[in-house]
Amino acid sequence: MKVNELITEAITEFLEVEVQGDTQDLNFASKIEIVKKRITNKVKNSPHLYGVNDNADTYEYEMFFSSNPNDMIKIDGWLPIDTGKIEKADKIQEYIEIGLLRKIEKAA
């Protein structure tokens, strides 16, 4: 996933929300919720632009992505990952044990 581009997009969205007249009375948390919804919709509507394959069935694992504690915009959650791009594929089991990766459960 193109994390830098996604963070830049989130900051751009936040600045837009911050200067909109109809959101000026909202608190900070509400503005962040608006940004989270906008970013989620952008990724869902154009997954290929953010490096996300829109066919999640091709992925076996997903990775937990967590923002830094001081980040203004929080982007936390599980994202499908191409395990072929993991440099140390022999460490996949270790990554699962520490909670960085998890196997994607297929719907029955």
N, C-alpha and C. Protein backbone atom coordinates (compact mmCIF):
# COMPACT_ATOMS: atom_id res chain seq x y z
N MET A 1 0.85 -1.18 0.00
CA MET A 1 0.00 0.00 0.00
C MET A 1 0.89 1.23 0.00
N LYS A 2 0.46 2.24 -0.68
CA LYS A 2 1.22 3.49 -0.77
C LYS A 2 0.86 4.36 0.43
N VAL A 3 1.49 4.06 1.56
CA VAL A 3 1.14 4.68 2.83
C VAL A 3 1.38 6.19 2.79
N ASN A 4 2.51 6.62 2.23
CA ASN A 4 2.80 8.05 2.18
C ASN A 4 1.72 8.82 1.43
N GLU A 5 1.27 8.24 0.31
CA GLU A 5 0.21 8.90 -0.47
C GLU A 5 -1.10 8.93 0.31
N LEU A 6 -1.37 7.87 1.02
CA LEU A 6 -2.60 7.81 1.81
C LEU A 6 -2.58 8.82 2.94
N ILE A 7 -1.44 8.98 3.59
CA ILE A 7 -1.31 9.97 4.67
C ILE A 7 -1.45 11.38 4.11
N THR A 8 -0.82 11.63 2.96
CA THR A 8 -0.95 12.94 2.32
C THR A 8 -2.41 13.22 1.97
N GLU A 9 -3.08 12.23 1.46
CA GLU A 9 -4.50 12.35 1.11
C GLU A 9 -5.33 12.66 2.36
N ALA A 10 -5.03 11.99 3.48
CA ALA A 10 -5.77 12.21 4.72
C ALA A 10 -5.54 13.63 5.24
N ILE A 11 -4.32 14.11 5.15
CA ILE A 11 -4.01 15.48 5.60
C ILE A 11 -4.74 16.49 4.72
N THR A 12 -4.75 16.25 3.42
CA THR A 12 -5.47 17.14 2.50
C THR A 12 -6.95 17.18 2.84
N GLU A 13 -7.53 16.01 3.09
CA GLU A 13 -8.95 15.94 3.47
C GLU A 13 -9.19 16.67 4.79
N PHE A 14 -8.28 16.49 5.74
CA PHE A 14 -8.45 17.15 7.03
C PHE A 14 -8.42 18.67 6.87
N LEU A 15 -7.50 19.18 6.08
CA LEU A 15 -7.42 20.63 5.86
C LEU A 15 -8.69 21.15 5.19
N GLU A 16 -9.23 20.35 4.28
CA GLU A 16 -10.48 20.75 3.61
C GLU A 16 -11.64 20.81 4.62
N VAL A 17 -11.71 19.79 5.48
CA VAL A 17 -12.76 19.77 6.51
C VAL A 17 -12.58 20.94 7.47
N GLU A 18 -11.33 21.23 7.81
CA GLU A 18 -11.02 22.28 8.77
C GLU A 18 -11.48 23.66 8.30
N VAL A 19 -11.42 23.92 6.99
CA VAL A 19 -11.77 25.25 6.49
C VAL A 19 -13.21 25.35 5.98
N GLN A 20 -13.94 24.25 5.96
CA GLN A 20 -15.33 24.30 5.50
C GLN A 20 -16.19 25.02 6.52
N GLY A 21 -17.03 25.90 6.04
CA GLY A 21 -17.91 26.65 6.93
C GLY A 21 -18.89 25.79 7.68
N ASP A 22 -19.39 24.73 7.03
CA ASP A 22 -20.41 23.90 7.67
C ASP A 22 -19.84 22.94 8.71
N THR A 23 -18.52 22.86 8.84
CA THR A 23 -17.93 21.99 9.85
C THR A 23 -17.18 22.78 10.93
N GLN A 24 -17.23 24.09 10.84
CA GLN A 24 -16.43 24.90 11.78
C GLN A 24 -16.84 24.74 13.24
N ASP A 25 -18.09 24.37 13.49
CA ASP A 25 -18.56 24.20 14.86
C ASP A 25 -18.35 22.79 15.41
N LEU A 26 -17.84 21.88 14.58
CA LEU A 26 -17.61 20.51 15.03
C LEU A 26 -16.33 20.42 15.85
N ASN A 27 -16.31 19.47 16.78
CA ASN A 27 -15.08 19.28 17.55
C ASN A 27 -14.06 18.49 16.73
N PHE A 28 -12.85 18.42 17.24
CA PHE A 28 -11.74 17.80 16.53
C PHE A 28 -12.04 16.34 16.19
N ALA A 29 -12.58 15.59 17.15
CA ALA A 29 -12.87 14.17 16.94
C ALA A 29 -13.89 13.97 15.82
N SER A 30 -14.88 14.83 15.75
CA SER A 30 -15.89 14.73 14.69
C SER A 30 -15.27 14.99 13.32
N LYS A 31 -14.36 15.94 13.26
CA LYS A 31 -13.68 16.23 11.99
C LYS A 31 -12.83 15.05 11.55
N ILE A 32 -12.17 14.41 12.50
CA ILE A 32 -11.36 13.24 12.17
C ILE A 32 -12.25 12.10 11.66
N GLU A 33 -13.42 11.93 12.26
CA GLU A 33 -14.36 10.90 11.79
C GLU A 33 -14.78 11.15 10.35
N ILE A 34 -15.02 12.41 10.00
CA ILE A 34 -15.37 12.77 8.62
C ILE A 34 -14.24 12.37 7.68
N VAL A 35 -13.01 12.69 8.08
CA VAL A 35 -11.84 12.37 7.26
C VAL A 35 -11.70 10.85 7.11
N LYS A 36 -11.88 10.11 8.19
CA LYS A 36 -11.76 8.64 8.13
C LYS A 36 -12.77 8.06 7.15
N LYS A 37 -14.00 8.58 7.19
CA LYS A 37 -15.02 8.09 6.27
C LYS A 37 -14.68 8.42 4.83
N ARG A 38 -14.17 9.63 4.59
CA ARG A 38 -13.80 10.03 3.24
C ARG A 38 -12.66 9.16 2.69
N ILE A 39 -11.65 8.93 3.52
CA ILE A 39 -10.51 8.12 3.08
C ILE A 39 -10.95 6.68 2.85
N THR A 40 -11.77 6.14 3.74
CA THR A 40 -12.28 4.78 3.55
C THR A 40 -13.03 4.66 2.24
N ASN A 41 -13.88 5.64 1.94
CA ASN A 41 -14.63 5.61 0.69
C ASN A 41 -13.71 5.73 -0.53
N LYS A 42 -12.69 6.58 -0.44
CA LYS A 42 -11.75 6.72 -1.56
C LYS A 42 -11.04 5.40 -1.84
N VAL A 43 -10.58 4.73 -0.79
CA VAL A 43 -9.87 3.47 -0.98
C VAL A 43 -10.82 2.40 -1.51
N LYS A 44 -12.05 2.36 -1.00
CA LYS A 44 -13.02 1.37 -1.50
C LYS A 44 -13.37 1.62 -2.96
N ASN A 45 -13.51 2.90 -3.34
CA ASN A 45 -13.92 3.23 -4.70
C ASN A 45 -12.79 3.12 -5.72
N SER A 46 -11.54 3.29 -5.28
CA SER A 46 -10.39 3.22 -6.20
C SER A 46 -9.23 2.48 -5.53
N PRO A 47 -9.41 1.21 -5.21
CA PRO A 47 -8.38 0.50 -4.47
C PRO A 47 -7.04 0.43 -5.20
N HIS A 48 -7.09 0.36 -6.52
CA HIS A 48 -5.85 0.26 -7.29
C HIS A 48 -4.97 1.51 -7.15
N LEU A 49 -5.58 2.67 -6.90
CA LEU A 49 -4.80 3.90 -6.74
C LEU A 49 -3.97 3.88 -5.46
N TYR A 50 -4.39 3.09 -4.49
CA TYR A 50 -3.70 3.03 -3.21
C TYR A 50 -2.92 1.73 -3.04
N GLY A 51 -2.76 1.00 -4.12
CA GLY A 51 -1.99 -0.23 -4.08
C GLY A 51 -2.72 -1.39 -3.46
N VAL A 52 -4.05 -1.27 -3.33
CA VAL A 52 -4.85 -2.35 -2.75
C VAL A 52 -5.51 -3.10 -3.89
N ASN A 53 -5.32 -4.40 -3.92
CA ASN A 53 -5.96 -5.22 -4.93
C ASN A 53 -7.42 -5.36 -4.55
N ASP A 54 -8.32 -5.02 -5.48
CA ASP A 54 -9.76 -5.07 -5.15
C ASP A 54 -10.29 -6.50 -5.13
N ASN A 55 -9.46 -7.47 -5.40
CA ASN A 55 -9.86 -8.86 -5.28
C ASN A 55 -9.14 -9.48 -4.09
N ALA A 56 -9.71 -9.31 -2.92
CA ALA A 56 -9.06 -9.76 -1.68
C ALA A 56 -8.89 -11.28 -1.63
N ASP A 57 -9.59 -12.01 -2.48
CA ASP A 57 -9.47 -13.47 -2.48
C ASP A 57 -8.06 -13.92 -2.87
N THR A 58 -7.29 -13.04 -3.50
CA THR A 58 -5.95 -13.41 -3.93
C THR A 58 -4.95 -13.31 -2.77
N TYR A 59 -5.37 -12.77 -1.65
CA TYR A 59 -4.47 -12.61 -0.51
C TYR A 59 -4.73 -13.68 0.54
N GLU A 60 -3.66 -14.16 1.12
CA GLU A 60 -3.76 -15.17 2.17
C GLU A 60 -3.64 -14.54 3.56
N TYR A 61 -2.92 -13.41 3.65
CA TYR A 61 -2.67 -12.75 4.93
C TYR A 61 -3.04 -11.28 4.86
N GLU A 62 -3.25 -10.71 6.04
CA GLU A 62 -3.40 -9.27 6.15
C GLU A 62 -2.48 -8.78 7.25
N MET A 63 -2.06 -7.52 7.14
CA MET A 63 -1.09 -6.95 8.07
C MET A 63 -1.76 -5.83 8.84
N PHE A 64 -1.40 -5.68 10.11
CA PHE A 64 -1.94 -4.60 10.91
C PHE A 64 -1.11 -3.35 10.68
N PHE A 65 -1.79 -2.27 10.33
CA PHE A 65 -1.12 -0.99 10.15
C PHE A 65 -1.58 -0.08 11.28
N SER A 66 -0.64 0.55 11.95
CA SER A 66 -0.97 1.43 13.06
C SER A 66 -0.23 2.75 12.94
N SER A 67 -0.95 3.83 13.10
CA SER A 67 -0.34 5.15 13.08
C SER A 67 0.51 5.35 14.32
N ASN A 68 1.43 6.28 14.24
CA ASN A 68 2.22 6.64 15.41
C ASN A 68 1.34 7.39 16.40
N PRO A 69 1.65 7.31 17.70
CA PRO A 69 0.81 7.98 18.71
C PRO A 69 0.67 9.49 18.48
N ASN A 70 1.67 10.13 17.90
CA ASN A 70 1.61 11.57 17.71
C ASN A 70 1.01 11.99 16.37
N ASP A 71 0.63 11.04 15.52
CA ASP A 71 0.04 11.39 14.23
C ASP A 71 -1.31 12.08 14.44
N MET A 72 -1.53 13.16 13.70
CA MET A 72 -2.78 13.89 13.83
C MET A 72 -3.95 13.05 13.33
N ILE A 73 -3.75 12.34 12.24
CA ILE A 73 -4.79 11.49 11.66
C ILE A 73 -4.40 10.04 11.93
N LYS A 74 -5.30 9.29 12.52
CA LYS A 74 -5.03 7.89 12.83
C LYS A 74 -5.57 6.99 11.71
N ILE A 75 -4.71 6.13 11.24
CA ILE A 75 -5.12 5.14 10.25
C ILE A 75 -4.72 3.79 10.82
N ASP A 76 -5.65 3.10 11.45
CA ASP A 76 -5.37 1.83 12.09
C ASP A 76 -6.27 0.76 11.50
N GLY A 77 -5.73 -0.41 11.30
CA GLY A 77 -6.56 -1.51 10.84
C GLY A 77 -5.78 -2.56 10.07
N TRP A 78 -6.50 -3.57 9.61
CA TRP A 78 -5.92 -4.69 8.88
C TRP A 78 -6.05 -4.47 7.39
N LEU A 79 -4.95 -4.71 6.67
CA LEU A 79 -4.94 -4.54 5.22
C LEU A 79 -4.40 -5.81 4.57
N PRO A 80 -5.05 -6.27 3.48
CA PRO A 80 -4.51 -7.44 2.78
C PRO A 80 -3.09 -7.14 2.30
N ILE A 81 -2.25 -8.15 2.34
CA ILE A 81 -0.85 -7.96 1.94
C ILE A 81 -0.40 -9.10 1.04
N ASP A 82 0.36 -8.75 0.04
CA ASP A 82 0.96 -9.72 -0.86
C ASP A 82 2.20 -10.27 -0.16
N THR A 83 2.11 -11.50 0.32
CA THR A 83 3.23 -12.05 1.09
C THR A 83 4.47 -12.21 0.22
N GLY A 84 4.34 -12.15 -1.08
CA GLY A 84 5.51 -12.17 -1.95
C GLY A 84 6.36 -10.93 -1.79
N LYS A 85 5.79 -9.89 -1.22
CA LYS A 85 6.53 -8.64 -1.01
C LYS A 85 7.19 -8.56 0.36
N ILE A 86 7.00 -9.58 1.18
CA ILE A 86 7.65 -9.62 2.49
C ILE A 86 9.08 -10.11 2.26
N GLU A 87 10.05 -9.27 2.62
CA GLU A 87 11.45 -9.60 2.35
C GLU A 87 11.90 -10.87 3.05
N LYS A 88 11.44 -11.10 4.27
CA LYS A 88 11.86 -12.28 5.03
C LYS A 88 10.65 -13.20 5.18
N ALA A 89 10.28 -13.86 4.09
CA ALA A 89 9.10 -14.73 4.08
C ALA A 89 9.21 -15.85 5.10
N ASP A 90 10.42 -16.23 5.47
CA ASP A 90 10.59 -17.30 6.45
C ASP A 90 10.16 -16.84 7.85
N LYS A 91 9.93 -15.55 8.02
CA LYS A 91 9.52 -15.02 9.32
C LYS A 91 8.01 -14.82 9.44
N ILE A 92 7.24 -15.26 8.44
CA ILE A 92 5.79 -15.06 8.46
C ILE A 92 5.17 -15.61 9.73
N GLN A 93 5.57 -16.82 10.15
CA GLN A 93 5.01 -17.41 11.37
C GLN A 93 5.32 -16.54 12.59
N GLU A 94 6.53 -16.00 12.63
CA GLU A 94 6.90 -15.11 13.74
C GLU A 94 6.04 -13.85 13.73
N TYR A 95 5.79 -13.30 12.54
CA TYR A 95 4.95 -12.10 12.41
C TYR A 95 3.52 -12.37 12.87
N ILE A 96 3.04 -13.59 12.60
CA ILE A 96 1.70 -13.97 13.07
C ILE A 96 1.67 -14.03 14.59
N GLU A 97 2.70 -14.62 15.17
CA GLU A 97 2.77 -14.77 16.62
C GLU A 97 2.80 -13.44 17.36
N ILE A 98 3.45 -12.44 16.78
CA ILE A 98 3.51 -11.13 17.45
C ILE A 98 2.34 -10.22 17.08
N GLY A 99 1.44 -10.71 16.21
CA GLY A 99 0.23 -9.95 15.90
C GLY A 99 0.36 -8.96 14.75
N LEU A 100 1.45 -9.04 13.99
CA LEU A 100 1.62 -8.15 12.86
C LEU A 100 0.86 -8.66 11.63
N LEU A 101 0.82 -9.98 11.46
CA LEU A 101 0.08 -10.60 10.36
C LEU A 101 -0.99 -11.52 10.93
N ARG A 102 -2.02 -11.74 10.14
CA ARG A 102 -3.00 -12.76 10.46
C ARG A 102 -3.51 -13.36 9.16
N LYS A 103 -3.90 -14.60 9.23
CA LYS A 103 -4.43 -15.30 8.06
C LYS A 103 -5.84 -14.79 7.80
N ILE A 104 -6.14 -14.54 6.55
CA ILE A 104 -7.48 -14.07 6.19
C ILE A 104 -8.44 -15.25 6.22
N GLU A 105 -9.50 -15.08 6.98
CA GLU A 105 -10.52 -16.13 7.08
C GLU A 105 -11.44 -16.02 5.87
N LYS A 106 -11.56 -17.09 5.14
CA LYS A 106 -12.44 -17.12 3.97
C LYS A 106 -13.87 -17.37 4.41
N ALA A 107 -14.81 -16.63 3.82
CA ALA A 107 -16.23 -16.82 4.15
C ALA A 107 -16.68 -18.17 3.59
N ALA A 108 -17.43 -18.89 4.38
CA ALA A 108 -17.89 -20.22 3.95
C ALA A 108 -19.09 -20.13 3.06
